[in-house]
Every structure is written in structure tokens, then in C-alpha cells.
């Protein structure tokens, strides 16, 4: 159960539409390292997480990623509202416009639709947390790339906020990983398990 607070996590007020920038930002809505994949990844992984603290952390971050999804959608909406047909054609937004007008639809900057195969929920705590840390770094890199291309402060400032949150999430996943690793024992299939890793026969050199 969630309580929805009717405000953005960071204020967004873009006054100049720009179809070219909108296509770049769109990737963080439904691209391979975007906020849709992040929220679905963490909110799916939480159910198989045996550690209650780790489960709570995944719920917290997964919920925040939904807020980031809302922010990215708001940025794209404000960048595409009131576009003229000439602007839509000039910046190559016409192909998207044909299928979606200026509605929000999850795809990468290159036009590839969102696919759930872009994230994993493996059910193994260590595996999932390493995936999560990698995902946060990939999202941070994508925001770095956006900031190299976008200089308008009305767009860049909320993007910087989102980038900063990816760094915080990476740190939280790292802390949770250390907590889980400290609790590992011989019963953990994802570390050392005698039934998998211990030799069943003596190696020739030991005879």
C-alpha cells in the first residue's frame, strides 16, 4: 500500500519546448537503464529477498524510482507541449508523433520499446543486489550522457537531481550487500554450499 503525495520529488518548470531534447530524455523513461526498468526490478526482487532489512530497502528505492518515472514523464511532457508541426518534423519527432502524438510511451532514445527482459529478478539475494548496483551505475552514466548534451538549466537541474539519487541508491545497495554477506554461512547457495562446491572424491594429488 502506498500513499501518493501529489507533488513531484523535485520541481520541474520547462518553458521552452524542444522535441530534440525530449527524445534524449525519453530514454530514462523506458530505455534499457531507465526508471521504468528500475522500479519494476526492485519491486519485483523484494518478494524473494529473505532479509527483512533488504526487502524494505528494495521497497523504498523501488517506490522512489516510480517518483523518478513521474519526473521524467513530466520533463518530456513539458518539452513536447505546444510543439508546432514544423518543429516536430525538423527534429525527427514525426515518427514518434505518428504512433503516440505527444503522449508518453516507454522507449529508448533510439526508438526501441521497453522490454522486461532488460532487467532481472533472479531470486538470489547476492545476484540481485549486484545487478542493482550495476543498474544504478548504468543509470548514472546515462544521466551523465544527457548532461553532456543538454545545457538548458530548466532541464539539466532536475536531471542532476536524478543523477544524484542514483549515486545514493548505489551506496545503499552496497551497504545492504555487505550486511547480507556478513550473514552468509554454509547453508547459503549463493556463497559456498558443500553440496555444490565441496569435492565428492579426493583429487589425485591428495592420494
C-alpha atoms as a PDB file:
ATOM      1  CA  UNK A   1       0.000   0.000   0.000  1.00  0.00           C
ATOM      2  CA  UNK A   2       1.331   3.424  -0.968  1.00  0.00           C
ATOM      3  CA  UNK A   3       0.302   6.918  -0.036  1.00  0.00           C
ATOM      4  CA  UNK A   4       0.565   9.209  -3.049  1.00  0.00           C
ATOM      5  CA  UNK A   5       1.744  12.724  -2.303  1.00  0.00           C
ATOM      6  CA  UNK A   6       0.603  14.994  -5.124  1.00  0.00           C
ATOM      7  CA  UNK A   7       3.857  16.776  -5.836  1.00  0.00           C
ATOM      8  CA  UNK A   8       6.983  15.991  -7.761  1.00  0.00           C
ATOM      9  CA  UNK A   9      10.055  14.939  -5.830  1.00  0.00           C
ATOM     10  CA  UNK A  10      11.867  17.868  -7.493  1.00  0.00           C
ATOM     11  CA  UNK A  11      10.113  20.847  -9.117  1.00  0.00           C
ATOM     12  CA  UNK A  12      10.053  20.954 -12.925  1.00  0.00           C
ATOM     13  CA  UNK A  13       9.129  24.069 -14.891  1.00  0.00           C
ATOM     14  CA  UNK A  14      10.278  23.971 -18.519  1.00  0.00           C
ATOM     15  CA  UNK A  15       9.167  26.998 -20.509  1.00  0.00           C
ATOM     16  CA  UNK A  16      10.676  26.248 -23.932  1.00  0.00           C
ATOM     17  CA  UNK A  17       9.509  23.142 -25.841  1.00  0.00           C
ATOM     18  CA  UNK A  18      12.239  21.143 -27.548  1.00  0.00           C
ATOM     19  CA  UNK A  19      11.474  17.940 -29.461  1.00  0.00           C
ATOM     20  CA  UNK A  20      15.151  17.096 -29.856  1.00  0.00           C
ATOM     21  CA  UNK A  21      15.859  17.101 -26.124  1.00  0.00           C
ATOM     22  CA  UNK A  22      12.603  15.244 -25.430  1.00  0.00           C
ATOM     23  CA  UNK A  23      13.819  12.275 -27.485  1.00  0.00           C
ATOM     24  CA  UNK A  24      17.012  12.130 -25.411  1.00  0.00           C
ATOM     25  CA  UNK A  25      15.228  12.361 -22.062  1.00  0.00           C
ATOM     26  CA  UNK A  26      12.680   9.731 -23.149  1.00  0.00           C
ATOM     27  CA  UNK A  27      15.323   7.033 -22.740  1.00  0.00           C
ATOM     28  CA  UNK A  28      15.234   7.444 -18.976  1.00  0.00           C
ATOM     29  CA  UNK A  29      11.514   6.698 -19.026  1.00  0.00           C
ATOM     30  CA  UNK A  30      11.531   3.422 -20.942  1.00  0.00           C
ATOM     31  CA  UNK A  31      15.093   2.858 -22.099  1.00  0.00           C
ATOM     32  CA  UNK A  32      17.345  -0.063 -21.118  1.00  0.00           C
ATOM     33  CA  UNK A  33      18.611   1.718 -17.994  1.00  0.00           C
ATOM     34  CA  UNK A  34      15.570   3.895 -17.339  1.00  0.00           C
ATOM     35  CA  UNK A  35      13.308   4.461 -14.382  1.00  0.00           C
ATOM     36  CA  UNK A  36      10.583   2.049 -15.510  1.00  0.00           C
ATOM     37  CA  UNK A  37      13.022  -0.866 -15.510  1.00  0.00           C
ATOM     38  CA  UNK A  38      14.472   0.264 -12.173  1.00  0.00           C
ATOM     39  CA  UNK A  39      11.134   0.444 -10.394  1.00  0.00           C
ATOM     40  CA  UNK A  40       9.968  -2.914 -11.771  1.00  0.00           C
ATOM     41  CA  UNK A  41      13.331  -4.531 -10.955  1.00  0.00           C
ATOM     42  CA  UNK A  42      13.377  -3.560  -7.286  1.00  0.00           C
ATOM     43  CA  UNK A  43       9.677  -4.003  -6.583  1.00  0.00           C
ATOM     44  CA  UNK A  44       9.842  -7.498  -8.130  1.00  0.00           C
ATOM     45  CA  UNK A  45      13.041  -8.550  -6.359  1.00  0.00           C
ATOM     46  CA  UNK A  46      11.711  -7.592  -2.934  1.00  0.00           C
ATOM     47  CA  UNK A  47       9.358 -10.577  -2.733  1.00  0.00           C
ATOM     48  CA  UNK A  48      12.129 -13.190  -2.825  1.00  0.00           C
ATOM     49  CA  UNK A  49      14.517 -11.256  -0.567  1.00  0.00           C
ATOM     50  CA  UNK A  50      14.896 -13.280   2.690  1.00  0.00           C
ATOM     51  CA  UNK A  51      16.339 -10.420   4.728  1.00  0.00           C
ATOM     52  CA  UNK A  52      13.665  -8.020   6.005  1.00  0.00           C
ATOM     53  CA  UNK A  53      16.029  -5.062   6.012  1.00  0.00           C
ATOM     54  CA  UNK A  54      16.998  -5.713   2.395  1.00  0.00           C
ATOM     55  CA  UNK A  55      13.340  -6.189   1.463  1.00  0.00           C
ATOM     56  CA  UNK A  56      12.472  -2.830   2.994  1.00  0.00           C
ATOM     57  CA  UNK A  57      15.334  -1.134   1.171  1.00  0.00           C
ATOM     58  CA  UNK A  58      14.170  -2.552  -2.180  1.00  0.00           C
ATOM     59  CA  UNK A  59      10.641  -1.335  -1.471  1.00  0.00           C
ATOM     60  CA  UNK A  60      11.913   2.142  -0.564  1.00  0.00           C
ATOM     61  CA  UNK A  61      14.093   2.521  -3.638  1.00  0.00           C
ATOM     62  CA  UNK A  62      11.572   0.880  -5.974  1.00  0.00           C
ATOM     63  CA  UNK A  63       8.951   3.339  -4.772  1.00  0.00           C
ATOM     64  CA  UNK A  64      11.306   6.278  -5.263  1.00  0.00           C
ATOM     65  CA  UNK A  65      12.018   5.075  -8.805  1.00  0.00           C
ATOM     66  CA  UNK A  66       8.287   5.397  -9.505  1.00  0.00           C
ATOM     67  CA  UNK A  67       8.615   9.032  -8.429  1.00  0.00           C
ATOM     68  CA  UNK A  68      11.542   9.397 -10.822  1.00  0.00           C
ATOM     69  CA  UNK A  69       9.441   7.870 -13.586  1.00  0.00           C
ATOM     70  CA  UNK A  70       6.892  10.596 -12.897  1.00  0.00           C
ATOM     71  CA  UNK A  71       9.613  13.258 -13.080  1.00  0.00           C
ATOM     72  CA  UNK A  72      10.970  12.025 -16.417  1.00  0.00           C
ATOM     73  CA  UNK A  73       7.455  11.844 -17.873  1.00  0.00           C
ATOM     74  CA  UNK A  74       6.831  15.415 -16.696  1.00  0.00           C
ATOM     75  CA  UNK A  75      10.051  16.634 -18.335  1.00  0.00           C
ATOM     76  CA  UNK A  76       9.123  15.004 -21.652  1.00  0.00           C
ATOM     77  CA  UNK A  77       5.557  16.333 -21.432  1.00  0.00           C
ATOM     78  CA  UNK A  78       6.738  19.887 -20.841  1.00  0.00           C
ATOM     79  CA  UNK A  79       9.306  19.625 -23.651  1.00  0.00           C
ATOM     80  CA  UNK A  80       6.710  18.441 -26.181  1.00  0.00           C
ATOM     81  CA  UNK A  81       3.657  20.532 -25.343  1.00  0.00           C
ATOM     82  CA  UNK A  82       2.747  23.234 -27.854  1.00  0.00           C
ATOM     83  CA  UNK A  83       5.187  21.944 -30.473  1.00  0.00           C
ATOM     84  CA  UNK A  84       4.439  23.109 -33.992  1.00  0.00           C
ATOM     85  CA  UNK A  85       4.318  20.629 -36.864  1.00  0.00           C
ATOM     86  CA  UNK A  86       7.428  22.280 -38.303  1.00  0.00           C
ATOM     87  CA  UNK A  87       9.339  21.667 -35.046  1.00  0.00           C
ATOM     88  CA  UNK A  88       8.135  18.079 -34.885  1.00  0.00           C
ATOM     89  CA  UNK A  89       9.378  17.393 -38.414  1.00  0.00           C
ATOM     90  CA  UNK A  90      12.581  19.406 -38.083  1.00  0.00           C
ATOM     91  CA  UNK A  91      13.871  17.424 -35.101  1.00  0.00           C
ATOM     92  CA  UNK A  92      12.779  13.969 -36.222  1.00  0.00           C
ATOM     93  CA  UNK A  93       9.942  13.670 -33.723  1.00  0.00           C
ATOM     94  CA  UNK A  94       7.482  12.904 -36.515  1.00  0.00           C
ATOM     95  CA  UNK A  95       7.914   9.119 -36.321  1.00  0.00           C
ATOM     96  CA  UNK A  96       7.064   9.095 -32.616  1.00  0.00           C
ATOM     97  CA  UNK A  97       4.228  11.575 -33.258  1.00  0.00           C
ATOM     98  CA  UNK A  98       2.559   9.282 -35.789  1.00  0.00           C
ATOM     99  CA  UNK A  99       2.150   6.486 -33.234  1.00  0.00           C
ATOM    100  CA  UNK A 100       1.720   8.410 -29.975  1.00  0.00           C
ATOM    101  CA  UNK A 101       1.052  12.072 -30.832  1.00  0.00           C
ATOM    102  CA  UNK A 102       2.796  13.640 -27.791  1.00  0.00           C
ATOM    103  CA  UNK A 103       1.656  11.022 -25.292  1.00  0.00           C
ATOM    104  CA  UNK A 104       4.181   9.343 -23.028  1.00  0.00           C
ATOM    105  CA  UNK A 105       5.194   5.863 -24.166  1.00  0.00           C
ATOM    106  CA  UNK A 106       8.171   3.828 -22.885  1.00  0.00           C
ATOM    107  CA  UNK A 107      11.007   3.590 -25.349  1.00  0.00           C
ATOM    108  CA  UNK A 108      14.738   4.209 -25.575  1.00  0.00           C
ATOM    109  CA  UNK A 109      16.256   7.259 -27.256  1.00  0.00           C
ATOM    110  CA  UNK A 110      16.863   5.098 -30.336  1.00  0.00           C
ATOM    111  CA  UNK A 111      13.170   4.166 -30.549  1.00  0.00           C
ATOM    112  CA  UNK A 112      13.412   0.618 -29.132  1.00  0.00           C
ATOM    113  CA  UNK A 113      10.321  -0.166 -26.995  1.00  0.00           C
ATOM    114  CA  UNK A 114      10.676  -1.032 -23.329  1.00  0.00           C
ATOM    115  CA  UNK A 115      11.125  -4.752 -22.709  1.00  0.00           C
ATOM    116  CA  UNK A 116      11.006  -6.521 -19.343  1.00  0.00           C
ATOM    117  CA  UNK A 117      13.990  -8.631 -20.490  1.00  0.00           C
ATOM    118  CA  UNK A 118      16.104  -5.546 -19.773  1.00  0.00           C
ATOM    119  CA  UNK A 119      16.085  -6.306 -16.047  1.00  0.00           C
ATOM    120  CA  UNK A 120      16.373  -9.390 -13.892  1.00  0.00           C
ATOM    121  CA  UNK A 121      14.706 -10.750 -10.787  1.00  0.00           C
ATOM    122  CA  UNK A 122      16.749 -13.857 -10.052  1.00  0.00           C
ATOM    123  CA  UNK A 123      15.572 -14.731  -6.531  1.00  0.00           C
ATOM    124  CA  UNK A 124      19.165 -14.953  -5.297  1.00  0.00           C
ATOM    125  CA  UNK A 125      19.932 -12.071  -2.885  1.00  0.00           C
ATOM    126  CA  UNK A 126      23.586 -11.641  -3.803  1.00  0.00           C
ATOM    127  CA  UNK A 127      22.932 -11.930  -7.538  1.00  0.00           C
ATOM    128  CA  UNK A 128      20.060  -9.434  -7.379  1.00  0.00           C
ATOM    129  CA  UNK A 129      21.993  -6.887  -5.333  1.00  0.00           C
ATOM    130  CA  UNK A 130      24.958  -6.979  -7.705  1.00  0.00           C
ATOM    131  CA  UNK A 131      22.516  -6.432 -10.581  1.00  0.00           C
ATOM    132  CA  UNK A 132      21.010  -3.497  -8.686  1.00  0.00           C
ATOM    133  CA  UNK A 133      24.379  -1.851  -8.095  1.00  0.00           C
ATOM    134  CA  UNK A 134      25.256  -2.232 -11.781  1.00  0.00           C
ATOM    135  CA  UNK A 135      21.853  -0.840 -12.767  1.00  0.00           C
ATOM    136  CA  UNK A 136      22.382   2.290 -10.679  1.00  0.00           C
ATOM    137  CA  UNK A 137      25.784   2.884 -12.263  1.00  0.00           C
ATOM    138  CA  UNK A 138      24.327   2.440 -15.762  1.00  0.00           C
ATOM    139  CA  UNK A 139      21.545   4.898 -14.957  1.00  0.00           C
ATOM    140  CA  UNK A 140      24.104   7.352 -13.576  1.00  0.00           C
ATOM    141  CA  UNK A 141      26.138   7.039 -16.793  1.00  0.00           C
ATOM    142  CA  UNK A 142      23.013   7.692 -18.874  1.00  0.00           C
ATOM    143  CA  UNK A 143      22.323  10.848 -16.885  1.00  0.00           C
ATOM    144  CA  UNK A 144      25.969  11.847 -17.388  1.00  0.00           C
ATOM    145  CA  UNK A 145      25.473  11.470 -21.136  1.00  0.00           C
ATOM    146  CA  UNK A 146      22.274  13.523 -21.035  1.00  0.00           C
ATOM    147  CA  UNK A 147      24.045  16.312 -19.148  1.00  0.00           C
ATOM    148  CA  UNK A 148      26.799  16.374 -21.775  1.00  0.00           C
ATOM    149  CA  UNK A 149      24.139  17.037 -24.418  1.00  0.00           C
ATOM    150  CA  UNK A 150      21.627  19.203 -22.537  1.00  0.00           C
ATOM    151  CA  UNK A 151      22.665  22.621 -21.255  1.00  0.00           C
ATOM    152  CA  UNK A 152      19.256  24.231 -20.659  1.00  0.00           C
ATOM    153  CA  UNK A 153      19.167  24.693 -16.842  1.00  0.00           C
ATOM    154  CA  UNK A 154      15.393  24.144 -16.741  1.00  0.00           C
ATOM    155  CA  UNK A 155      16.050  20.588 -17.958  1.00  0.00           C
ATOM    156  CA  UNK A 156      19.546  19.990 -16.590  1.00  0.00           C
ATOM    157  CA  UNK A 157      18.752  20.856 -12.950  1.00  0.00           C
ATOM    158  CA  UNK A 158      16.146  18.099 -12.399  1.00  0.00           C
ATOM    159  CA  UNK A 159      18.395  15.700 -14.340  1.00  0.00           C
ATOM    160  CA  UNK A 160      21.224  16.492 -11.906  1.00  0.00           C
ATOM    161  CA  UNK A 161      18.880  15.726  -9.029  1.00  0.00           C
ATOM    162  CA  UNK A 162      18.008  12.350 -10.571  1.00  0.00           C
ATOM    163  CA  UNK A 163      21.690  11.604 -11.156  1.00  0.00           C
ATOM    164  CA  UNK A 164      22.480  12.358  -7.507  1.00  0.00           C
ATOM    165  CA  UNK A 165      19.788   9.926  -6.364  1.00  0.00           C
ATOM    166  CA  UNK A 166      21.301   7.142  -8.498  1.00  0.00           C
ATOM    167  CA  UNK A 167      24.554   7.601  -6.582  1.00  0.00           C
ATOM    168  CA  UNK A 168      22.732   7.397  -3.243  1.00  0.00           C
ATOM    169  CA  UNK A 169      20.910   4.249  -4.366  1.00  0.00           C
ATOM    170  CA  UNK A 170      24.197   2.643  -5.414  1.00  0.00           C
ATOM    171  CA  UNK A 171      25.596   3.333  -1.951  1.00  0.00           C
ATOM    172  CA  UNK A 172      22.508   1.903  -0.217  1.00  0.00           C
ATOM    173  CA  UNK A 173      22.666  -1.271  -2.300  1.00  0.00           C
ATOM    174  CA  UNK A 174      26.354  -1.612  -1.439  1.00  0.00           C
ATOM    175  CA  UNK A 175      25.630  -1.271   2.290  1.00  0.00           C
ATOM    176  CA  UNK A 176      22.855  -3.875   2.050  1.00  0.00           C
ATOM    177  CA  UNK A 177      25.142  -6.245   0.162  1.00  0.00           C
ATOM    178  CA  UNK A 178      27.726  -6.027   2.958  1.00  0.00           C
ATOM    179  CA  UNK A 179      25.055  -6.765   5.572  1.00  0.00           C
ATOM    180  CA  UNK A 180      23.942  -9.882   3.681  1.00  0.00           C
ATOM    181  CA  UNK A 181      27.488 -11.084   3.110  1.00  0.00           C
ATOM    182  CA  UNK A 182      28.186 -10.881   6.838  1.00  0.00           C
ATOM    183  CA  UNK A 183      25.273 -13.281   7.410  1.00  0.00           C
ATOM    184  CA  UNK A 184      26.416 -15.926   4.940  1.00  0.00           C
ATOM    185  CA  UNK A 185      27.101 -19.453   6.160  1.00  0.00           C
ATOM    186  CA  UNK A 186      27.468 -22.913   4.656  1.00  0.00           C
ATOM    187  CA  UNK A 187      23.725 -23.111   4.008  1.00  0.00           C
ATOM    188  CA  UNK A 188      23.830 -20.214   1.562  1.00  0.00           C
ATOM    189  CA  UNK A 189      23.597 -21.425  -2.015  1.00  0.00           C
ATOM    190  CA  UNK A 190      24.820 -18.072  -3.294  1.00  0.00           C
ATOM    191  CA  UNK A 191      28.158 -18.178  -1.441  1.00  0.00           C
ATOM    192  CA  UNK A 192      29.649 -21.562  -0.507  1.00  0.00           C
ATOM    193  CA  UNK A 193      27.495 -24.634  -0.246  1.00  0.00           C
ATOM    194  CA  UNK A 194      29.098 -28.012   0.476  1.00  0.00           C
ATOM    195  CA  UNK A 195      26.619 -29.906  -1.682  1.00  0.00           C
ATOM    196  CA  UNK A 196      27.686 -27.818  -4.679  1.00  0.00           C
ATOM    197  CA  UNK A 197      31.286 -26.822  -4.045  1.00  0.00           C
ATOM    198  CA  UNK A 198      32.923 -29.466  -1.850  1.00  0.00           C
ATOM    199  CA  UNK A 199      34.644 -32.240  -3.838  1.00  0.00           C
ATOM    200  CA  UNK A 200      32.912 -35.601  -3.526  1.00  0.00           C
ATOM    201  CA  UNK A 201      36.109 -37.565  -4.216  1.00  0.00           C
ATOM    202  CA  UNK A 202      39.708 -36.925  -3.271  1.00  0.00           C
ATOM    203  CA  UNK A 203      41.666 -35.305  -6.084  1.00  0.00           C
ATOM    204  CA  UNK A 204      44.545 -37.454  -7.426  1.00  0.00           C
ATOM    205  CA  UNK A 205      47.145 -35.152  -5.920  1.00  0.00           C
ATOM    206  CA  UNK A 206      45.771 -35.744  -2.406  1.00  0.00           C
ATOM    207  CA  UNK A 207      46.241 -39.525  -2.509  1.00  0.00           C
END
